[in-house]
Amino acid sequence: MNWKEFLKKHKLEEGQLVKIIEGKEEYKGSILPSTEEDKEILRLKLNSGYNVGLKITEKLKVEKLEGTQKVGKAKTEKIKQKEGLPTIAILHTGGTIASRVDYKTGAVNTTFDEEDLLTMYPEIAGKCNLVSKHLSNMWSDDMRFEHYKVMAKAIQEMIKKNVKGIIIGHGTDTLHYTSAALSFMLENVPIPVLIVGAQRSSDRGSSDAAMNLDCAAEFILKTDFAGVGVCMHHSSNDDKCSVINGCKARKMHSSRRDAFKAINDTPIALIDYKTKKIDFLKNNYQRRNNGKNFKIKDAMEEKVAILKIHTNMFPEQFEFYYKNGFKGVVIEGTGLGQTPGFVSDEHNKIHAKLWKSLEELCKKCLVVVTTQTIYGRVHQHVYDKGVEVAKLGAIGCEDMTTETAFVKLAWLLGNYKKEEAKKLITQNLRGEINKTLPYEEEIGE
């Protein structure tokens, strides 16, 4: 029996709320459509927000519950400006923070506009005035460098309106690329620019959207911080959010609400969601009204790539980039920043050719090296392999994450000549490099 026959037999429809009993197990949720590939599976959207698939057999018992689950347009209300309150700008780009579950497909869709965001979180509107601008409605893995430029110009526009700070609603999957890009593009930005996402869509009970946004607003309103940061759950509990330097944040889990961690760094501050208390963990952060001239440098070199080192590599993998006009390559090396290239026996003779390809790559492109260990830093003068890689011309990126190094390299090549970019890649420009690191067991805690 397929799922359509099952629905017909029990007089059910898509979206119907049901209780399905399978032996000793009970499942309550709304019926989702099944595909041709899984037509003998009954799919439910549970109250938790997760999907479950049940093999359709005669043993399945069904109880029809009241109601259906269908997504409609959220009611919106016009936001009223209140005299005497500071103003926060919200820039909308899409992602889970502006999403709801479509119970007809079981998928999460980015269907909200910016007024929906404001209406969803009235607690923010109650403590400040809000202005908003719709930039996009997209999944973050569809971002390109041009989108970062759009964001930078929108930020500049809001700064001219004298807003207290800016919140950017963003999908989490590439949020840390965007935070790094804006960190470099916005030179001496005079106000806080906090990028905020959500791991769970807004209509789920476990959603982190409201807390992340509220904590971001509290941080903007109550502190002297200026610069680009990421504001997300600090732990899996609904207790605190952390603000992380935009160049040091990285998504470390696919679904946990505390997915973002400070890599080779500590958070700038923690915000207690219940008490609204803010504890700064760092003192060396950029502050408001520092008298420095705000500039936007938003040029980005398009032809920059990341090459991840792994076993069983071939020379063609290195050759591809210089044969196709790439200007910069980030090599995510092993350990302290190594790549294959030594010949030890007859089984890896090809590494001699690979080494020559890497040498040619370094001649034609600006090549930098990070470590795929995530935590820790590149040391090119500990092992002979690292020394040789450095001799070929690949530059170690200190303790930068691969994603930040990628963005910084593209930004440098877009705004500076190659020789100047070589010098600047290892200089700390936006807090992306720490010359000393905390004890390894404490990193990321």
Protein backbone atom coordinates (compact mmCIF):
# COMPACT_ATOMS: atom_id res chain seq x y z
CA MET A 1 0.00 0.00 0.00
CA ASN A 2 1.39 3.40 -0.93
CA TRP A 3 0.91 6.63 1.03
CA LYS A 4 -1.89 7.96 -1.19
CA GLU A 5 -3.86 4.71 -0.80
CA PHE A 6 -3.24 4.87 2.94
CA LEU A 7 -4.64 8.41 3.14
CA LYS A 8 -7.67 7.44 1.06
CA LYS A 9 -8.36 4.37 3.17
CA HIS A 10 -8.34 6.35 6.43
CA LYS A 11 -9.97 9.47 4.94
CA LEU A 12 -6.93 11.65 5.63
CA GLU A 13 -5.35 14.53 3.76
CA GLU A 14 -1.97 16.22 3.58
CA GLY A 15 -1.46 18.48 6.57
CA GLN A 16 -3.90 16.48 8.72
CA LEU A 17 -2.91 16.20 12.39
CA VAL A 18 -2.84 12.53 13.40
CA LYS A 19 -1.60 10.13 16.01
CA ILE A 20 0.08 7.07 14.50
CA ILE A 21 0.53 4.01 16.69
CA GLU A 22 3.19 1.48 15.67
CA GLY A 23 3.43 -1.24 18.28
CA LYS A 24 4.41 0.47 21.52
CA GLU A 25 5.46 3.69 19.78
CA GLU A 26 3.21 6.71 19.24
CA TYR A 27 3.86 9.61 16.86
CA LYS A 28 1.86 12.83 16.74
CA GLY A 29 2.27 15.17 13.83
CA SER A 30 0.98 16.42 10.50
CA ILE A 31 1.04 14.35 7.33
CA LEU A 32 3.66 15.30 4.74
CA PRO A 33 3.60 14.25 1.09
CA SER A 34 5.86 11.36 0.14
CA THR A 35 7.90 11.12 -3.05
CA GLU A 36 7.81 8.44 -5.70
CA GLU A 37 10.99 6.96 -4.22
CA ASP A 38 9.43 6.59 -0.77
CA LYS A 39 5.79 6.13 -1.71
CA GLU A 40 5.42 3.26 0.77
CA ILE A 41 6.54 5.54 3.63
CA LEU A 42 4.18 7.71 5.67
CA ARG A 43 5.98 10.96 6.51
CA LEU A 44 5.03 13.08 9.52
CA LYS A 45 6.13 16.49 10.71
CA LEU A 46 6.36 16.07 14.49
CA ASN A 47 5.60 18.82 16.99
CA SER A 48 9.34 19.07 17.66
CA GLY A 49 9.85 20.22 14.08
CA TYR A 50 11.62 17.05 12.97
CA ASN A 51 10.34 14.66 10.31
CA VAL A 52 9.78 10.93 10.76
CA GLY A 53 9.09 8.26 8.16
CA LEU A 54 7.04 5.13 8.97
CA LYS A 55 6.82 2.04 6.81
CA ILE A 56 3.17 1.61 5.76
CA THR A 57 1.84 -1.75 6.94
CA GLU A 58 -1.49 -3.11 8.10
CA LYS A 59 -0.17 -2.83 11.68
CA LEU A 60 -0.19 0.97 11.65
CA LYS A 61 -3.07 2.39 13.66
CA VAL A 62 -4.34 5.88 12.98
CA GLU A 63 -6.23 8.38 15.13
CA LYS A 64 -7.36 11.57 13.43
CA LEU A 65 -6.76 14.70 15.51
CA GLU A 66 -8.39 18.09 15.24
CA GLY A 67 -6.95 20.55 12.75
CA THR A 68 -4.35 20.75 10.03
CA GLN A 69 -0.89 22.30 9.87
CA LYS A 70 -0.46 24.62 6.95
CA VAL A 71 1.78 27.62 6.73
CA GLY A 72 0.16 30.93 6.01
CA LYS A 73 1.48 34.43 5.85
CA ALA A 74 2.31 35.77 9.28
CA LYS A 75 0.27 38.76 10.33
CA THR A 76 2.29 41.94 10.23
CA GLU A 77 1.82 45.23 12.00
CA LYS A 78 3.31 48.54 11.13
CA ILE A 79 6.14 49.42 13.50
CA LYS A 80 5.55 52.72 15.25
CA GLN A 81 8.48 54.99 15.99
CA LYS A 82 8.74 56.11 19.63
CA GLU A 83 10.23 59.44 20.48
CA GLY A 84 13.39 59.36 22.57
CA LEU A 85 14.37 55.76 21.85
CA PRO A 86 17.57 54.86 19.96
CA THR A 87 17.21 53.24 16.56
CA ILE A 88 18.51 49.85 15.46
CA ALA A 89 18.57 48.90 11.79
CA ILE A 90 17.79 45.35 10.70
CA LEU A 91 19.09 44.21 7.32
CA HIS A 92 17.37 41.13 5.99
CA THR A 93 19.22 38.61 3.79
CA GLY A 94 17.25 35.40 4.44
CA GLY A 95 18.21 32.16 6.16
CA THR A 96 16.58 30.15 8.94
CA ILE A 97 16.20 33.20 11.16
CA ALA A 98 13.58 34.42 8.66
CA SER A 99 12.08 31.03 7.86
CA ARG A 100 9.11 28.89 8.68
CA VAL A 101 8.46 25.21 8.11
CA ASP A 102 6.25 24.52 5.11
CA TYR A 103 4.16 21.63 6.36
CA LYS A 104 3.21 20.60 2.86
CA THR A 105 6.80 19.75 2.00
CA GLY A 106 8.41 19.41 5.43
CA ALA A 107 11.09 21.82 4.29
CA VAL A 108 12.20 25.15 5.70
CA ASN A 109 11.54 28.07 3.35
CA THR A 110 12.92 31.60 3.46
CA THR A 111 9.59 33.29 2.76
CA PHE A 112 9.52 36.23 5.16
CA ASP A 113 10.14 39.86 4.37
CA GLU A 114 11.63 42.38 6.76
CA GLU A 115 8.31 43.46 8.28
CA ASP A 116 7.66 39.86 9.27
CA LEU A 117 10.92 39.85 11.23
CA LEU A 118 9.96 42.99 13.11
CA THR A 119 6.48 41.69 13.93
CA MET A 120 7.76 38.28 15.07
CA TYR A 121 9.91 39.79 17.82
CA PRO A 122 7.94 42.57 19.56
CA GLU A 123 10.28 42.48 22.57
CA ILE A 124 12.93 44.15 20.39
CA ALA A 125 10.52 46.77 19.09
CA GLY A 126 9.62 47.61 22.70
CA LYS A 127 13.12 48.76 23.66
CA CYS A 128 14.15 50.73 20.58
CA ASN A 129 12.96 52.11 17.28
CA LEU A 130 13.50 49.85 14.31
CA VAL A 131 14.21 50.53 10.67
CA SER A 132 14.71 47.77 8.18
CA LYS A 133 15.89 47.10 4.67
CA HIS A 134 15.27 44.02 2.57
CA LEU A 135 18.46 42.97 0.79
CA SER A 136 17.66 39.43 -0.25
CA ASN A 137 15.75 36.26 0.60
CA MET A 138 18.35 33.59 0.04
CA TRP A 139 20.12 30.61 1.48
CA SER A 140 23.55 31.65 2.65
CA ASP A 141 25.41 29.10 0.53
CA ASP A 142 24.21 31.07 -2.51
CA MET A 143 26.15 34.13 -1.34
CA ARG A 144 28.81 35.62 -3.60
CA PHE A 145 31.28 38.45 -3.06
CA GLU A 146 28.87 40.87 -4.75
CA HIS A 147 26.36 40.26 -1.96
CA TYR A 148 28.93 41.40 0.61
CA LYS A 149 29.25 44.67 -1.31
CA VAL A 150 25.47 45.14 -1.23
CA MET A 151 25.54 44.65 2.56
CA ALA A 152 28.44 47.09 3.00
CA LYS A 153 26.62 49.81 1.06
CA ALA A 154 23.41 49.22 3.05
CA ILE A 155 25.41 49.51 6.27
CA GLN A 156 26.90 52.78 5.07
CA GLU A 157 23.39 54.04 4.30
CA MET A 158 22.17 53.17 7.79
CA ILE A 159 25.17 54.79 9.46
CA LYS A 160 24.27 58.03 7.70
CA LYS A 161 20.85 57.77 9.37
CA ASN A 162 22.59 57.79 12.78
CA VAL A 163 21.36 54.38 13.91
CA LYS A 164 22.71 53.02 17.19
CA GLY A 165 23.71 49.74 15.59
CA ILE A 166 22.89 47.25 12.87
CA ILE A 167 21.65 43.66 13.00
CA ILE A 168 22.02 41.53 9.87
CA GLY A 169 19.72 38.51 9.71
CA HIS A 170 21.70 35.81 7.92
CA GLY A 171 21.70 32.08 7.20
CA THR A 172 24.17 30.26 9.44
CA ASP A 173 25.94 28.02 6.93
CA THR A 174 28.21 30.75 5.53
CA LEU A 175 27.59 33.40 8.18
CA HIS A 176 31.26 33.35 9.23
CA TYR A 177 32.40 34.11 5.67
CA THR A 178 30.16 37.18 5.66
CA SER A 179 31.28 38.34 9.10
CA ALA A 180 34.92 38.12 7.98
CA ALA A 181 34.21 39.90 4.69
CA LEU A 182 32.40 42.79 6.38
CA SER A 183 35.14 43.01 9.01
CA PHE A 184 37.66 43.80 6.27
CA MET A 185 35.37 45.90 4.07
CA LEU A 186 34.23 48.20 6.89
CA GLU A 187 37.32 50.08 8.00
CA ASN A 188 36.83 51.90 11.32
CA VAL A 189 33.09 51.25 11.33
CA PRO A 190 31.78 53.55 14.11
CA ILE A 191 28.90 51.40 15.38
CA PRO A 192 28.25 47.72 16.15
CA VAL A 193 27.32 45.53 13.20
CA LEU A 194 26.10 42.18 14.53
CA ILE A 195 25.37 39.25 12.26
CA VAL A 196 22.67 37.05 13.72
CA GLY A 197 21.32 33.71 12.56
CA ALA A 198 19.22 30.85 13.85
CA GLN A 199 19.69 27.10 13.81
CA ARG A 200 15.97 26.40 14.27
CA SER A 201 13.16 28.08 12.31
CA SER A 202 10.99 30.60 14.10
CA ASP A 203 7.86 28.45 14.33
CA ARG A 204 9.59 25.71 16.31
CA GLY A 205 9.50 25.63 20.09
CA SER A 206 13.26 25.15 20.19
CA SER A 207 13.95 28.13 17.94
CA ASP A 208 16.94 30.25 18.92
CA ALA A 209 15.94 33.18 16.71
CA ALA A 210 14.22 35.40 19.30
CA MET A 211 16.95 35.00 21.91
CA ASN A 212 19.78 35.68 19.45
CA LEU A 213 18.07 38.82 18.17
CA ASP A 214 17.15 40.09 21.64
CA CYS A 215 20.69 39.61 22.95
CA ALA A 216 22.10 41.37 19.90
CA ALA A 217 19.80 44.32 20.53
CA GLU A 218 20.79 44.46 24.21
CA PHE A 219 24.47 44.46 23.29
CA ILE A 220 24.00 47.28 20.78
CA LEU A 221 21.99 49.41 23.18
CA LYS A 222 24.11 48.97 26.31
CA THR A 223 27.77 48.80 25.24
CA ASP A 224 30.47 50.97 23.68
CA PHE A 225 31.46 48.25 21.20
CA ALA A 226 31.98 49.17 17.56
CA GLY A 227 32.90 46.73 14.82
CA VAL A 228 31.64 43.54 13.23
CA GLY A 229 30.63 40.62 15.42
CA VAL A 230 28.57 37.44 15.43
CA CYS A 231 25.84 37.08 18.08
CA MET A 232 24.59 33.52 18.63
CA HIS A 233 23.81 31.04 21.43
CA HIS A 234 26.79 30.49 23.74
CA SER A 235 25.53 27.09 24.93
CA SER A 236 22.72 24.75 23.96
CA ASN A 237 20.65 26.19 26.81
CA ASP A 238 18.58 29.36 26.59
CA ASP A 239 20.81 31.22 29.01
CA LYS A 240 23.49 33.28 27.25
CA CYS A 241 24.56 34.51 23.85
CA SER A 242 28.13 35.29 22.92
CA VAL A 243 29.46 38.06 20.72
CA ILE A 244 32.44 36.84 18.70
CA ASN A 245 34.91 38.82 16.60
CA GLY A 246 33.74 38.60 12.98
CA CYS A 247 37.07 37.14 11.86
CA LYS A 248 37.26 34.53 14.61
CA ALA A 249 33.80 32.95 14.42
CA ARG A 250 33.18 29.57 12.83
CA LYS A 251 30.20 27.26 12.56
CA MET A 252 31.21 24.06 14.37
CA HIS A 253 28.03 21.99 14.33
CA SER A 254 25.34 21.38 11.73
CA SER A 255 22.33 21.70 14.04
CA ARG A 256 23.20 22.62 17.65
CA ARG A 257 22.08 26.06 18.73
CA ASP A 258 25.56 26.81 20.08
CA ALA A 259 27.15 25.97 16.74
CA PHE A 260 29.32 29.10 16.57
CA LYS A 261 32.55 29.21 18.51
CA ALA A 262 35.44 31.63 18.81
CA ILE A 263 38.40 29.89 17.14
CA ASN A 264 41.81 30.52 18.72
CA ASP A 265 40.14 33.30 20.65
CA THR A 266 37.59 34.02 23.36
CA PRO A 267 34.22 35.71 22.82
CA ILE A 268 34.21 39.46 23.21
CA ALA A 269 31.29 39.32 25.62
CA LEU A 270 28.46 37.20 26.98
CA ILE A 271 24.87 38.44 27.27
CA ASP A 272 22.57 36.88 29.86
CA TYR A 273 19.19 36.44 28.18
CA LYS A 274 17.17 36.55 31.41
CA THR A 275 18.95 39.24 33.42
CA LYS A 276 20.26 41.19 30.39
CA LYS A 277 23.63 41.47 32.15
CA ILE A 278 26.60 41.83 29.80
CA ASP A 279 30.02 40.48 30.79
CA PHE A 280 32.99 41.49 28.67
CA LEU A 281 35.66 38.81 28.32
CA LYS A 282 38.01 40.99 26.27
CA ASN A 283 39.13 44.59 26.67
CA ASN A 284 40.96 45.07 23.37
CA TYR A 285 37.97 45.71 21.15
CA GLN A 286 37.11 48.65 18.94
CA ARG A 287 34.98 51.32 20.59
CA ARG A 288 32.46 53.87 19.38
CA ASN A 289 33.45 57.44 18.59
CA ASN A 290 37.16 56.67 18.31
CA GLY A 291 37.68 59.59 15.94
CA LYS A 292 38.94 57.43 13.09
CA ASN A 293 37.72 57.93 9.55
CA PHE A 294 35.16 55.33 8.43
CA LYS A 295 35.82 53.90 4.97
CA ILE A 296 34.41 51.15 2.83
CA LYS A 297 36.91 49.06 0.90
CA ASP A 298 34.69 46.53 -0.81
CA ALA A 299 36.76 45.35 -3.77
CA MET A 300 37.21 41.57 -3.84
CA GLU A 301 39.27 39.45 -6.22
CA GLU A 302 36.89 36.86 -7.65
CA LYS A 303 39.46 34.26 -8.66
CA VAL A 304 40.46 33.00 -5.21
CA ALA A 305 39.97 29.42 -4.02
CA ILE A 306 40.47 26.95 -1.17
CA LEU A 307 42.37 23.71 -1.77
CA LYS A 308 42.04 21.13 0.99
CA ILE A 309 45.01 18.82 1.42
CA HIS A 310 44.27 15.11 1.68
CA THR A 311 45.96 11.80 0.97
CA ASN A 312 46.35 10.49 -2.59
CA MET A 313 46.53 13.90 -4.29
CA PHE A 314 47.56 14.53 -7.89
CA PRO A 315 49.56 17.33 -9.58
CA GLU A 316 46.51 18.29 -11.63
CA GLN A 317 44.75 19.46 -8.48
CA PHE A 318 47.38 22.18 -8.03
CA GLU A 319 47.72 22.88 -11.74
CA PHE A 320 44.02 23.62 -12.15
CA TYR A 321 44.25 26.99 -10.42
CA TYR A 322 47.16 28.54 -12.27
CA LYS A 323 45.94 27.13 -15.58
CA ASN A 324 42.54 28.74 -15.05
CA GLY A 325 43.65 32.23 -14.10
CA PHE A 326 43.24 32.14 -10.33
CA LYS A 327 45.05 34.92 -8.48
CA GLY A 328 45.10 33.46 -4.98
CA VAL A 329 44.80 30.04 -3.33
CA VAL A 330 44.38 29.09 0.32
CA ILE A 331 45.90 25.68 0.96
CA GLU A 332 44.28 24.06 3.97
CA GLY A 333 47.27 21.99 5.02
CA THR A 334 47.69 19.15 7.45
CA GLY A 335 49.03 19.60 10.98
CA LEU A 336 51.20 22.69 11.21
CA GLY A 337 50.62 23.56 7.55
CA GLN A 338 52.13 20.72 5.53
CA THR A 339 51.32 19.42 2.05
CA PRO A 340 52.33 16.16 0.32
CA GLY A 341 55.48 16.46 -1.78
CA PHE A 342 58.18 14.15 -0.41
CA VAL A 343 58.99 10.81 -2.03
CA SER A 344 59.58 8.01 0.48
CA ASP A 345 59.12 4.85 -1.65
CA GLU A 346 57.86 3.59 -5.01
CA HIS A 347 54.25 4.13 -4.01
CA ASN A 348 54.43 7.94 -3.82
CA LYS A 349 56.85 8.76 -6.66
CA ILE A 350 54.16 10.99 -8.13
CA HIS A 351 54.80 13.42 -5.28
CA ALA A 352 57.90 14.68 -7.10
CA LYS A 353 55.62 15.97 -9.86
CA LEU A 354 53.15 17.23 -7.29
CA TRP A 355 55.89 19.28 -5.64
CA LYS A 356 56.75 20.88 -8.99
CA SER A 357 53.09 21.75 -9.53
CA LEU A 358 52.95 23.40 -6.10
CA GLU A 359 56.10 25.36 -6.92
CA GLU A 360 54.55 26.59 -10.17
CA LEU A 361 51.35 27.48 -8.34
CA CYS A 362 53.32 29.64 -5.90
CA LYS A 363 55.01 31.45 -8.80
CA LYS A 364 51.77 32.33 -10.54
CA CYS A 365 49.37 32.82 -7.61
CA LEU A 366 49.55 34.24 -4.13
CA VAL A 367 49.44 31.03 -2.06
CA VAL A 368 48.78 31.00 1.67
CA VAL A 369 48.55 28.09 4.10
CA THR A 370 46.15 27.37 6.97
CA THR A 371 45.67 24.25 9.06
CA GLN A 372 42.70 21.90 8.79
CA THR A 373 42.93 21.15 12.51
CA ILE A 374 40.70 24.24 13.08
CA TYR A 375 42.32 25.12 16.42
CA GLY A 376 46.01 26.00 16.63
CA ARG A 377 48.27 27.82 14.22
CA VAL A 378 50.52 27.24 11.24
CA HIS A 379 54.23 26.75 12.08
CA GLN A 380 56.34 26.45 8.94
CA HIS A 381 59.69 26.03 10.71
CA VAL A 382 59.05 23.07 12.99
CA TYR A 383 59.27 20.25 10.41
CA ASP A 384 61.39 20.10 7.29
CA LYS A 385 58.24 19.67 5.19
CA GLY A 386 56.90 23.02 6.42
CA VAL A 387 60.25 24.67 5.72
CA GLU A 388 60.23 23.39 2.15
CA VAL A 389 56.66 24.53 1.58
CA ALA A 390 57.67 28.00 2.78
CA LYS A 391 60.68 27.98 0.44
CA LEU A 392 58.36 27.35 -2.49
CA GLY A 393 56.59 30.59 -1.63
CA ALA A 394 53.50 29.52 0.32
CA ILE A 395 52.86 31.90 3.22
CA GLY A 396 51.68 30.63 6.60
CA CYS A 397 48.51 32.31 7.89
CA GLU A 398 49.29 32.19 11.61
CA ASP A 399 46.12 31.22 13.54
CA MET A 400 43.55 32.37 11.00
CA THR A 401 40.71 30.03 10.11
CA THR A 402 40.62 28.84 6.53
CA GLU A 403 37.43 30.79 5.87
CA THR A 404 38.87 34.05 7.19
CA ALA A 405 42.11 33.53 5.26
CA PHE A 406 40.10 32.94 2.08
CA VAL A 407 38.10 36.13 2.52
CA LYS A 408 41.11 38.18 3.58
CA LEU A 409 43.14 36.97 0.60
CA ALA A 410 40.35 37.89 -1.82
CA TRP A 411 39.96 41.28 -0.13
CA LEU A 412 43.70 42.04 -0.16
CA LEU A 413 44.07 41.12 -3.83
CA GLY A 414 41.05 43.27 -4.62
CA ASN A 415 42.39 46.37 -2.85
CA TYR A 416 46.19 46.09 -2.99
CA LYS A 417 48.94 45.09 -5.36
CA LYS A 418 50.21 41.51 -5.05
CA GLU A 419 53.46 42.40 -3.27
CA GLU A 420 51.66 44.54 -0.71
CA ALA A 421 49.05 41.82 -0.22
CA LYS A 422 51.91 39.38 0.55
CA LYS A 423 53.02 41.60 3.42
CA LEU A 424 49.54 42.29 4.76
CA ILE A 425 48.32 38.68 4.81
CA THR A 426 50.32 37.99 7.99
CA GLN A 427 49.54 41.33 9.65
CA ASN A 428 46.69 41.63 12.12
CA LEU A 429 44.21 44.06 10.58
CA ARG A 430 40.85 43.23 12.19
CA GLY A 431 41.66 40.91 15.08
CA GLU A 432 42.02 37.94 12.74
CA ILE A 433 45.48 37.03 14.09
CA ASN A 434 46.49 36.37 17.69
CA LYS A 435 50.22 36.12 18.19
CA THR A 436 49.74 34.12 21.39
CA LEU A 437 47.02 31.56 22.00
CA PRO A 438 45.40 30.39 25.24
CA TYR A 439 46.16 26.91 26.51
CA GLU A 440 44.76 24.48 23.93
CA GLU A 441 42.34 22.66 26.25
CA GLU A 442 40.62 25.95 26.98
CA ILE A 443 40.21 27.14 23.41
CA GLY A 444 36.58 27.35 22.37
CA GLU A 445 35.20 26.65 25.85
